[in-house]
Amino acid sequence: MKVLFARDGLQKAKAVIQSGEYFMVTLDEITFPLNYGWMPLDDVLDTLRSRPAHVHVVLTGRRCPP
């Protein structure tokens, strides 16, 4: 169930980031679901790479994957 919640949250975050409506988006404690394998790291990295240039994304958490 946690995997579904994490992946659903990632999809919502992607939509917000890609919309370009906000100057900054904070994904608080995103490293937790990444470290437990609840969401794919590649999806997060692709979202960061494809975001609009004016959108800043802040990732927080401990033990961030390399």
PDB file of N, CA and C in Angstrom:
ATOM      1  N   MET A   1       0.821  -1.200   0.000  1.00  0.00           N
ATOM      2  CA  MET A   1       0.000   0.000   0.000  1.00  0.00           C
ATOM      3  C   MET A   1       0.868   1.267   0.000  1.00  0.00           C
ATOM      4  N   LYS A   2       1.986   1.234   0.752  1.00  0.00           N
ATOM      5  CA  LYS A   2       2.866   2.400   0.813  1.00  0.00           C
ATOM      6  C   LYS A   2       3.436   2.720  -0.561  1.00  0.00           C
ATOM      7  N   VAL A   3       3.702   1.669  -1.347  1.00  0.00           N
ATOM      8  CA  VAL A   3       4.234   1.874  -2.694  1.00  0.00           C
ATOM      9  C   VAL A   3       3.227   2.652  -3.534  1.00  0.00           C
ATOM     10  N   LEU A   4       1.964   2.291  -3.431  1.00  0.00           N
ATOM     11  CA  LEU A   4       0.928   2.982  -4.206  1.00  0.00           C
ATOM     12  C   LEU A   4       0.817   4.447  -3.806  1.00  0.00           C
ATOM     13  N   PHE A   5       0.870   4.719  -2.505  1.00  0.00           N
ATOM     14  CA  PHE A   5       0.795   6.102  -2.038  1.00  0.00           C
ATOM     15  C   PHE A   5       1.998   6.910  -2.515  1.00  0.00           C
ATOM     16  N   ALA A   6       3.185   6.309  -2.433  1.00  0.00           N
ATOM     17  CA  ALA A   6       4.405   7.007  -2.852  1.00  0.00           C
ATOM     18  C   ALA A   6       4.366   7.304  -4.347  1.00  0.00           C
ATOM     19  N   ARG A   7       3.979   6.334  -5.141  1.00  0.00           N
ATOM     20  CA  ARG A   7       3.940   6.536  -6.598  1.00  0.00           C
ATOM     21  C   ARG A   7       2.844   7.503  -6.999  1.00  0.00           C
ATOM     22  N   ASP A   8       1.717   7.473  -6.283  1.00  0.00           N
ATOM     23  CA  ASP A   8       0.655   8.442  -6.552  1.00  0.00           C
ATOM     24  C   ASP A   8       1.138   9.854  -6.214  1.00  0.00           C
ATOM     25  N   GLY A   9       1.849   9.979  -5.105  1.00  0.00           N
ATOM     26  CA  GLY A   9       2.404  11.281  -4.729  1.00  0.00           C
ATOM     27  C   GLY A   9       3.401  11.792  -5.751  1.00  0.00           C
ATOM     28  N   LEU A  10       4.198  10.888  -6.288  1.00  0.00           N
ATOM     29  CA  LEU A  10       5.164  11.279  -7.308  1.00  0.00           C
ATOM     30  C   LEU A  10       4.454  11.760  -8.570  1.00  0.00           C
ATOM     31  N   GLN A  11       3.397  11.100  -8.959  1.00  0.00           N
ATOM     32  CA  GLN A  11       2.645  11.524 -10.144  1.00  0.00           C
ATOM     33  C   GLN A  11       2.050  12.920  -9.938  1.00  0.00           C
ATOM     34  N   LYS A  12       1.530  13.176  -8.747  1.00  0.00           N
ATOM     35  CA  LYS A  12       0.983  14.503  -8.443  1.00  0.00           C
ATOM     36  C   LYS A  12       2.090  15.559  -8.443  1.00  0.00           C
ATOM     37  N   ALA A  13       3.240  15.213  -7.866  1.00  0.00           N
ATOM     38  CA  ALA A  13       4.368  16.148  -7.842  1.00  0.00           C
ATOM     39  C   ALA A  13       4.852  16.445  -9.261  1.00  0.00           C
ATOM     40  N   LYS A  14       4.917  15.418 -10.111  1.00  0.00           N
ATOM     41  CA  LYS A  14       5.325  15.615 -11.512  1.00  0.00           C
ATOM     42  C   LYS A  14       4.405  16.613 -12.204  1.00  0.00           C
ATOM     43  N   ALA A  15       3.108  16.437 -12.005  1.00  0.00           N
ATOM     44  CA  ALA A  15       2.131  17.318 -12.646  1.00  0.00           C
ATOM     45  C   ALA A  15       2.327  18.765 -12.195  1.00  0.00           C
ATOM     46  N   VAL A  16       2.546  18.956 -10.905  1.00  0.00           N
ATOM     47  CA  VAL A  16       2.745  20.305 -10.368  1.00  0.00           C
ATOM     48  C   VAL A  16       4.034  20.909 -10.920  1.00  0.00           C
ATOM     49  N   ILE A  17       5.095  20.131 -10.928  1.00  0.00           N
ATOM     50  CA  ILE A  17       6.389  20.624 -11.415  1.00  0.00           C
ATOM     51  C   ILE A  17       6.296  20.977 -12.898  1.00  0.00           C
ATOM     52  N   GLN A  18       5.737  20.084 -13.685  1.00  0.00           N
ATOM     53  CA  GLN A  18       5.678  20.288 -15.131  1.00  0.00           C
ATOM     54  C   GLN A  18       4.676  21.354 -15.545  1.00  0.00           C
ATOM     55  N   SER A  19       3.729  21.683 -14.661  1.00  0.00           N
ATOM     56  CA  SER A  19       2.752  22.715 -14.996  1.00  0.00           C
ATOM     57  C   SER A  19       3.403  24.088 -15.139  1.00  0.00           C
ATOM     58  N   GLY A  20       4.500  24.301 -14.416  1.00  0.00           N
ATOM     59  CA  GLY A  20       5.172  25.600 -14.469  1.00  0.00           C
ATOM     60  C   GLY A  20       4.459  26.687 -13.696  1.00  0.00           C
ATOM     61  N   GLU A  21       3.450  26.335 -12.931  1.00  0.00           N
ATOM     62  CA  GLU A  21       2.678  27.324 -12.179  1.00  0.00           C
ATOM     63  C   GLU A  21       3.431  27.896 -10.987  1.00  0.00           C
ATOM     64  N   TYR A  22       4.376  27.140 -10.465  1.00  0.00           N
ATOM     65  CA  TYR A  22       5.045  27.527  -9.227  1.00  0.00           C
ATOM     66  C   TYR A  22       6.523  27.787  -9.475  1.00  0.00           C
ATOM     67  N   PHE A  23       7.067  28.729  -8.741  1.00  0.00           N
ATOM     68  CA  PHE A  23       8.480  29.073  -8.802  1.00  0.00           C
ATOM     69  C   PHE A  23       9.324  27.997  -8.115  1.00  0.00           C
ATOM     70  N   MET A  24       8.782  27.437  -7.013  1.00  0.00           N
ATOM     71  CA  MET A  24       9.513  26.435  -6.250  1.00  0.00           C
ATOM     72  C   MET A  24       8.569  25.354  -5.753  1.00  0.00           C
ATOM     73  N   VAL A  25       9.021  24.107  -5.838  1.00  0.00           N
ATOM     74  CA  VAL A  25       8.280  22.959  -5.338  1.00  0.00           C
ATOM     75  C   VAL A  25       9.216  22.207  -4.395  1.00  0.00           C
ATOM     76  N   THR A  26       8.752  21.906  -3.188  1.00  0.00           N
ATOM     77  CA  THR A  26       9.560  21.177  -2.221  1.00  0.00           C
ATOM     78  C   THR A  26       9.011  19.767  -2.054  1.00  0.00           C
ATOM     79  N   LEU A  27       9.870  18.785  -2.271  1.00  0.00           N
ATOM     80  CA  LEU A  27       9.503  17.379  -2.068  1.00  0.00           C
ATOM     81  C   LEU A  27      10.165  16.944  -0.761  1.00  0.00           C
ATOM     82  N   ASP A  28       9.438  17.172   0.327  1.00  0.00           N
ATOM     83  CA  ASP A  28       9.972  16.953   1.667  1.00  0.00           C
ATOM     84  C   ASP A  28      10.114  15.463   1.956  1.00  0.00           C
ATOM     85  N   GLU A  29      11.290  15.064   2.420  1.00  0.00           N
ATOM     86  CA  GLU A  29      11.602  13.678   2.789  1.00  0.00           C
ATOM     87  C   GLU A  29      11.415  12.701   1.629  1.00  0.00           C
ATOM     88  N   ILE A  30      11.687  13.120   0.414  1.00  0.00           N
ATOM     89  CA  ILE A  30      11.530  12.234  -0.737  1.00  0.00           C
ATOM     90  C   ILE A  30      12.545  11.091  -0.717  1.00  0.00           C
ATOM     91  N   THR A  31      13.641  11.269  -0.006  1.00  0.00           N
ATOM     92  CA  THR A  31      14.641  10.195   0.022  1.00  0.00           C
ATOM     93  C   THR A  31      14.129   8.950   0.748  1.00  0.00           C
ATOM     94  N   PHE A  32      13.194   9.105   1.642  1.00  0.00           N
ATOM     95  CA  PHE A  32      12.638   7.961   2.376  1.00  0.00           C
ATOM     96  C   PHE A  32      11.997   6.947   1.420  1.00  0.00           C
ATOM     97  N   PRO A  33      11.030   7.353   0.588  1.00  0.00           N
ATOM     98  CA  PRO A  33      10.456   6.375  -0.349  1.00  0.00           C
ATOM     99  C   PRO A  33      11.445   5.918  -1.426  1.00  0.00           C
ATOM    100  N   LEU A  34      12.422   6.742  -1.759  1.00  0.00           N
ATOM    101  CA  LEU A  34      13.441   6.318  -2.718  1.00  0.00           C
ATOM    102  C   LEU A  34      14.311   5.208  -2.122  1.00  0.00           C
ATOM    103  N   ASN A  35      14.736   5.396  -0.878  1.00  0.00           N
ATOM    104  CA  ASN A  35      15.594   4.407  -0.227  1.00  0.00           C
ATOM    105  C   ASN A  35      14.893   3.069  -0.009  1.00  0.00           C
ATOM    106  N   TYR A  36      13.592   3.096   0.192  1.00  0.00           N
ATOM    107  CA  TYR A  36      12.843   1.857   0.399  1.00  0.00           C
ATOM    108  C   TYR A  36      12.337   1.241  -0.905  1.00  0.00           C
ATOM    109  N   GLY A  37      12.646   1.896  -2.027  1.00  0.00           N
ATOM    110  CA  GLY A  37      12.244   1.353  -3.320  1.00  0.00           C
ATOM    111  C   GLY A  37      10.772   1.514  -3.639  1.00  0.00           C
ATOM    112  N   TRP A  38      10.117   2.443  -2.960  1.00  0.00           N
ATOM    113  CA  TRP A  38       8.684   2.653  -3.184  1.00  0.00           C
ATOM    114  C   TRP A  38       8.409   3.477  -4.432  1.00  0.00           C
ATOM    115  N   MET A  39       9.424   4.184  -4.911  1.00  0.00           N
ATOM    116  CA  MET A  39       9.302   4.923  -6.162  1.00  0.00           C
ATOM    117  C   MET A  39      10.634   4.828  -6.900  1.00  0.00           C
ATOM    118  N   PRO A  40      10.579   4.780  -8.221  1.00  0.00           N
ATOM    119  CA  PRO A  40      11.817   4.641  -8.990  1.00  0.00           C
ATOM    120  C   PRO A  40      12.621   5.942  -9.048  1.00  0.00           C
ATOM    121  N   LEU A  41      13.899   5.838  -8.768  1.00  0.00           N
ATOM    122  CA  LEU A  41      14.789   6.994  -8.823  1.00  0.00           C
ATOM    123  C   LEU A  41      14.807   7.601 -10.223  1.00  0.00           C
ATOM    124  N   ASP A  42      14.784   6.767 -11.248  1.00  0.00           N
ATOM    125  CA  ASP A  42      14.819   7.278 -12.621  1.00  0.00           C
ATOM    126  C   ASP A  42      13.647   8.203 -12.924  1.00  0.00           C
ATOM    127  N   ASP A  43      12.460   7.915 -12.379  1.00  0.00           N
ATOM    128  CA  ASP A  43      11.300   8.789 -12.587  1.00  0.00           C
ATOM    129  C   ASP A  43      11.533  10.165 -11.975  1.00  0.00           C
ATOM    130  N   VAL A  44      12.115  10.177 -10.785  1.00  0.00           N
ATOM    131  CA  VAL A  44      12.399  11.454 -10.116  1.00  0.00           C
ATOM    132  C   VAL A  44      13.432  12.244 -10.919  1.00  0.00           C
ATOM    133  N   LEU A  45      14.491  11.567 -11.351  1.00  0.00           N
ATOM    134  CA  LEU A  45      15.535  12.243 -12.120  1.00  0.00           C
ATOM    135  C   LEU A  45      15.008  12.761 -13.457  1.00  0.00           C
ATOM    136  N   ASP A  46      14.174  11.984 -14.131  1.00  0.00           N
ATOM    137  CA  ASP A  46      13.575  12.437 -15.391  1.00  0.00           C
ATOM    138  C   ASP A  46      12.705  13.673 -15.174  1.00  0.00           C
ATOM    139  N   THR A  47      11.967  13.685 -14.073  1.00  0.00           N
ATOM    140  CA  THR A  47      11.125  14.851 -13.756  1.00  0.00           C
ATOM    141  C   THR A  47      11.993  16.086 -13.542  1.00  0.00           C
ATOM    142  N   LEU A  48      13.086  15.924 -12.820  1.00  0.00           N
ATOM    143  CA  LEU A  48      13.978  17.069 -12.577  1.00  0.00           C
ATOM    144  C   LEU A  48      14.606  17.566 -13.871  1.00  0.00           C
ATOM    145  N   ARG A  49      14.998  16.661 -14.728  1.00  0.00           N
ATOM    146  CA  ARG A  49      15.635  17.042 -15.994  1.00  0.00           C
ATOM    147  C   ARG A  49      14.668  17.742 -16.941  1.00  0.00           C
ATOM    148  N   SER A  50      13.404  17.362 -16.907  1.00  0.00           N
ATOM    149  CA  SER A  50      12.437  17.887 -17.882  1.00  0.00           C
ATOM    150  C   SER A  50      11.598  19.048 -17.342  1.00  0.00           C
ATOM    151  N   ARG A  51      11.893  19.516 -16.140  1.00  0.00           N
ATOM    152  CA  ARG A  51      11.083  20.600 -15.555  1.00  0.00           C
ATOM    153  C   ARG A  51      11.309  21.900 -16.319  1.00  0.00           C
ATOM    154  N   PRO A  52      10.341  22.804 -16.282  1.00  0.00           N
ATOM    155  CA  PRO A  52      10.553  24.123 -16.882  1.00  0.00           C
ATOM    156  C   PRO A  52      11.734  24.820 -16.197  1.00  0.00           C
ATOM    157  N   ALA A  53      12.464  25.598 -16.944  1.00  0.00           N
ATOM    158  CA  ALA A  53      13.699  26.220 -16.444  1.00  0.00           C
ATOM    159  C   ALA A  53      13.475  27.123 -15.234  1.00  0.00           C
ATOM    160  N   HIS A  54      12.305  27.736 -15.126  1.00  0.00           N
ATOM    161  CA  HIS A  54      12.059  28.668 -14.016  1.00  0.00           C
ATOM    162  C   HIS A  54      11.576  27.980 -12.742  1.00  0.00           C
ATOM    163  N   VAL A  55      11.330  26.674 -12.795  1.00  0.00           N
ATOM    164  CA  VAL A  55      10.831  25.932 -11.630  1.00  0.00           C
ATOM    165  C   VAL A  55      12.017  25.338 -10.871  1.00  0.00           C
ATOM    166  N   HIS A  56      12.110  25.687  -9.600  1.00  0.00           N
ATOM    167  CA  HIS A  56      13.151  25.159  -8.726  1.00  0.00           C
ATOM    168  C   HIS A  56      12.538  24.060  -7.863  1.00  0.00           C
ATOM    169  N   VAL A  57      13.240  22.934  -7.743  1.00  0.00           N
ATOM    170  CA  VAL A  57      12.738  21.812  -6.963  1.00  0.00           C
ATOM    171  C   VAL A  57      13.716  21.534  -5.834  1.00  0.00           C
ATOM    172  N   VAL A  58      13.184  21.490  -4.615  1.00  0.00           N
ATOM    173  CA  VAL A  58      13.980  21.226  -3.416  1.00  0.00           C
ATOM    174  C   VAL A  58      13.660  19.811  -2.948  1.00  0.00           C
ATOM    175  N   LEU A  59      14.686  18.979  -2.820  1.00  0.00           N
ATOM    176  CA  LEU A  59      14.530  17.620  -2.315  1.00  0.00           C
ATOM    177  C   LEU A  59      15.138  17.553  -0.926  1.00  0.00           C
ATOM    178  N   THR A  60      14.409  16.981   0.036  1.00  0.00           N
ATOM    179  CA  THR A  60      14.945  16.868   1.385  1.00  0.00           C
ATOM    180  C   THR A  60      14.986  15.414   1.804  1.00  0.00           C
ATOM    181  N   GLY A  61      15.774  15.149   2.842  1.00  0.00           N
ATOM    182  CA  GLY A  61      15.858  13.812   3.408  1.00  0.00           C
ATOM    183  C   GLY A  61      17.290  13.378   3.590  1.00  0.00           C
ATOM    184  N   ARG A  62      17.451  12.316   4.339  1.00  0.00           N
ATOM    185  CA  ARG A  62      18.785  11.772   4.615  1.00  0.00           C
ATOM    186  C   ARG A  62      19.100  10.630   3.670  1.00  0.00           C
ATOM    187  N   ARG A  63      20.404  10.367   3.510  1.00  0.00           N
ATOM    188  CA  ARG A  63      20.895   9.242   2.733  1.00  0.00           C
ATOM    189  C   ARG A  63      20.333   9.237   1.310  1.00  0.00           C
ATOM    190  N   CYS A  64      20.477  10.375   0.649  1.00  0.00           N
ATOM    191  CA  CYS A  64      20.009  10.494  -0.732  1.00  0.00           C
ATOM    192  C   CYS A  64      20.773   9.512  -1.625  1.00  0.00           C
ATOM    193  N   PRO A  65      20.061   8.794  -2.499  1.00  0.00           N
ATOM    194  CA  PRO A  65      20.763   7.891  -3.407  1.00  0.00           C
ATOM    195  C   PRO A  65      21.729   8.681  -4.309  1.00  0.00           C
ATOM    196  N   PRO A  66      22.867   8.058  -4.626  1.00  0.00           N
ATOM    197  CA  PRO A  66      23.844   8.766  -5.468  1.00  0.00           C
ATOM    198  C   PRO A  66      23.230   9.155  -6.806  1.00  0.00           C
TER     199      PRO A  66
END
